[in-house]
C-alpha atoms as a PDB file:
ATOM      1  CA  MET A   1      28.196   1.456 -19.048  1.00  0.00           C
ATOM      2  CA  GLU A   2      25.267   0.269 -21.127  1.00  0.00           C
ATOM      3  CA  LEU A   3      26.671  -3.312 -21.236  1.00  0.00           C
ATOM      4  CA  ALA A   4      26.851  -3.390 -17.436  1.00  0.00           C
ATOM      5  CA  VAL A   5      23.151  -2.329 -17.249  1.00  0.00           C
ATOM      6  CA  GLU A   6      22.105  -5.051 -19.680  1.00  0.00           C
ATOM      7  CA  THR A   7      24.149  -7.731 -17.669  1.00  0.00           C
ATOM      8  CA  GLU A   8      22.472  -6.524 -14.442  1.00  0.00           C
ATOM      9  CA  GLU A   9      19.127  -6.623 -16.107  1.00  0.00           C
ATOM     10  CA  MET A  10      19.769 -10.239 -17.349  1.00  0.00           C
ATOM     11  CA  SER A  11      20.853 -11.233 -13.843  1.00  0.00           C
ATOM     12  CA  LEU A  12      17.812  -9.731 -12.344  1.00  0.00           C
ATOM     13  CA  ASP A  13      15.615 -11.510 -14.908  1.00  0.00           C
ATOM     14  CA  GLU A  14      17.353 -14.817 -14.233  1.00  0.00           C
ATOM     15  CA  LEU A  15      16.928 -14.292 -10.531  1.00  0.00           C
ATOM     16  CA  ARG A  16      13.154 -13.427 -10.927  1.00  0.00           C
ATOM     17  CA  ALA A  17      12.788 -16.559 -13.072  1.00  0.00           C
ATOM     18  CA  GLU A  18      14.366 -18.658 -10.299  1.00  0.00           C
ATOM     19  CA  ILE A  19      11.988 -17.262  -7.751  1.00  0.00           C
ATOM     20  CA  GLU A  20       9.148 -17.963 -10.132  1.00  0.00           C
ATOM     21  CA  ASP A  21      10.317 -21.657 -10.208  1.00  0.00           C
ATOM     22  CA  ILE A  22      10.662 -21.774  -6.504  1.00  0.00           C
ATOM     23  CA  ASP A  23       7.109 -20.304  -5.987  1.00  0.00           C
ATOM     24  CA  ARG A  24       5.714 -23.041  -8.307  1.00  0.00           C
ATOM     25  CA  GLU A  25       7.517 -25.679  -6.241  1.00  0.00           C
ATOM     26  CA  ILE A  26       6.120 -24.225  -2.985  1.00  0.00           C
ATOM     27  CA  VAL A  27       2.569 -24.316  -4.378  1.00  0.00           C
ATOM     28  CA  GLU A  28       3.254 -28.015  -5.506  1.00  0.00           C
ATOM     29  CA  LEU A  29       4.416 -28.943  -2.029  1.00  0.00           C
ATOM     30  CA  ILE A  30       1.357 -27.261  -0.435  1.00  0.00           C
ATOM     31  CA  ALA A  31      -0.875 -29.238  -2.728  1.00  0.00           C
ATOM     32  CA  ARG A  32       1.057 -32.455  -1.903  1.00  0.00           C
ATOM     33  CA  ARG A  33       0.787 -31.617   1.863  1.00  0.00           C
ATOM     34  CA  THR A  34      -2.921 -30.910   1.553  1.00  0.00           C
ATOM     35  CA  TYR A  35      -3.523 -34.171  -0.199  1.00  0.00           C
ATOM     36  CA  VAL A  36      -1.731 -36.162   2.520  1.00  0.00           C
ATOM     37  CA  ALA A  37      -3.587 -34.161   5.172  1.00  0.00           C
ATOM     38  CA  ASP A  38      -6.904 -35.062   3.510  1.00  0.00           C
ATOM     39  CA  SER A  39      -5.880 -38.721   3.691  1.00  0.00           C
ATOM     40  CA  VAL A  40      -5.138 -38.267   7.493  1.00  0.00           C
ATOM     41  CA  ALA A  41      -8.518 -36.723   7.828  1.00  0.00           C
ATOM     42  CA  GLN A  42     -10.239 -39.683   6.177  1.00  0.00           C
ATOM     43  CA  VAL A  43      -8.390 -42.158   8.418  1.00  0.00           C
ATOM     44  CA  LYS A  44      -9.399 -40.143  11.520  1.00  0.00           C
ATOM     45  CA  ALA A  45     -12.999 -40.028  10.331  1.00  0.00           C
ATOM     46  CA  ASP A  46     -12.990 -43.832   9.650  1.00  0.00           C
ATOM     47  CA  ARG A  47     -11.643 -44.386  13.146  1.00  0.00           C
ATOM     48  CA  GLY A  48     -13.893 -41.874  14.893  1.00  0.00           C
ATOM     49  CA  LEU A  49     -10.930 -39.701  16.004  1.00  0.00           C
ATOM     50  CA  PRO A  50     -11.187 -36.071  16.570  1.00  0.00           C
ATOM     51  CA  THR A  51     -10.224 -33.652  13.887  1.00  0.00           C
ATOM     52  CA  THR A  52      -7.693 -31.771  16.140  1.00  0.00           C
ATOM     53  CA  ASP A  53      -4.641 -33.373  17.585  1.00  0.00           C
ATOM     54  CA  GLU A  54      -2.907 -30.732  19.551  1.00  0.00           C
ATOM     55  CA  GLY A  55       0.086 -32.986  20.366  1.00  0.00           C
ATOM     56  CA  GLN A  56       0.697 -33.591  16.648  1.00  0.00           C
ATOM     57  CA  GLU A  57       0.316 -29.951  15.896  1.00  0.00           C
ATOM     58  CA  GLU A  58       2.838 -29.070  18.562  1.00  0.00           C
ATOM     59  CA  ARG A  59       5.374 -31.657  16.995  1.00  0.00           C
ATOM     60  CA  VAL A  60       4.767 -30.182  13.596  1.00  0.00           C
ATOM     61  CA  MET A  61       5.525 -26.684  14.923  1.00  0.00           C
ATOM     62  CA  GLU A  62       8.733 -27.899  16.756  1.00  0.00           C
ATOM     63  CA  ARG A  63       9.932 -29.529  13.609  1.00  0.00           C
ATOM     64  CA  ALA A  64       9.172 -26.418  11.593  1.00  0.00           C
ATOM     65  CA  GLY A  65      11.274 -24.374  13.980  1.00  0.00           C
ATOM     66  CA  ARG A  66      14.130 -26.837  13.828  1.00  0.00           C
ATOM     67  CA  ASN A  67      14.077 -26.883  10.066  1.00  0.00           C
ATOM     68  CA  ALA A  68      14.053 -23.117  10.032  1.00  0.00           C
ATOM     69  CA  GLU A  69      17.074 -22.962  12.243  1.00  0.00           C
ATOM     70  CA  GLN A  70      18.903 -25.619  10.053  1.00  0.00           C
ATOM     71  CA  PHE A  71      18.373 -23.487   6.892  1.00  0.00           C
ATOM     72  CA  ASP A  72      19.047 -20.172   8.770  1.00  0.00           C
ATOM     73  CA  VAL A  73      15.472 -18.898   8.123  1.00  0.00           C
ATOM     74  CA  ASP A  74      13.383 -16.817  10.645  1.00  0.00           C
ATOM     75  CA  SER A  75      11.776 -19.450  12.893  1.00  0.00           C
ATOM     76  CA  ASN A  76       8.734 -17.226  13.652  1.00  0.00           C
ATOM     77  CA  LEU A  77       8.048 -16.652   9.929  1.00  0.00           C
ATOM     78  CA  VAL A  78       8.272 -20.415   9.236  1.00  0.00           C
ATOM     79  CA  LYS A  79       6.045 -21.269  12.151  1.00  0.00           C
ATOM     80  CA  ALA A  80       3.491 -18.730  11.003  1.00  0.00           C
ATOM     81  CA  VAL A  81       3.323 -20.467   7.645  1.00  0.00           C
ATOM     82  CA  PHE A  82       2.822 -23.842   9.252  1.00  0.00           C
ATOM     83  CA  ARG A  83       0.162 -22.440  11.663  1.00  0.00           C
ATOM     84  CA  LEU A  84      -1.673 -21.223   8.486  1.00  0.00           C
ATOM     85  CA  LEU A  85      -1.317 -24.559   6.803  1.00  0.00           C
ATOM     86  CA  ILE A  86      -2.599 -26.400   9.813  1.00  0.00           C
ATOM     87  CA  GLU A  87      -5.536 -24.140  10.165  1.00  0.00           C
ATOM     88  CA  LEU A  88      -6.446 -24.457   6.524  1.00  0.00           C
ATOM     89  CA  ASN A  89      -6.225 -28.253   6.821  1.00  0.00           C
ATOM     90  CA  LYS A  90      -8.413 -28.244   9.937  1.00  0.00           C
ATOM     91  CA  VAL A  91     -11.023 -26.077   8.252  1.00  0.00           C
ATOM     92  CA  GLU A  92     -11.130 -28.486   5.215  1.00  0.00           C
ATOM     93  CA  GLN A  93     -11.359 -31.507   7.552  1.00  0.00           C
ATOM     94  CA  ARG A  94     -14.290 -29.958   9.413  1.00  0.00           C
ATOM     95  CA  GLU A  95     -16.107 -29.170   6.202  1.00  0.00           C
ATOM     96  CA  LYS A  96     -15.742 -32.686   4.877  1.00  0.00           C
ATOM     97  CA  ARG A  97     -17.163 -34.343   8.092  1.00  0.00           C
END
């Protein structure tokens, strides 16, 4: 019985390590997305375009929903994450103008 507990603990530790790796990748992707969004903001500023583009935001949300469905993830959860990312990018864009 003791061996089974050790095996379960090792498996749990391995799973937690995998989640830790995934979390790091998520943060890396958020940083990458933020960098590109900052570049978009600079182009908008250079061209005198408004910070907010509701049509683009809607396309991002639709794409997020489709991707969620493709990977069998809760669409509302994914869309909530993307809404937050978009809002954070908009706040940063406004602060830099």
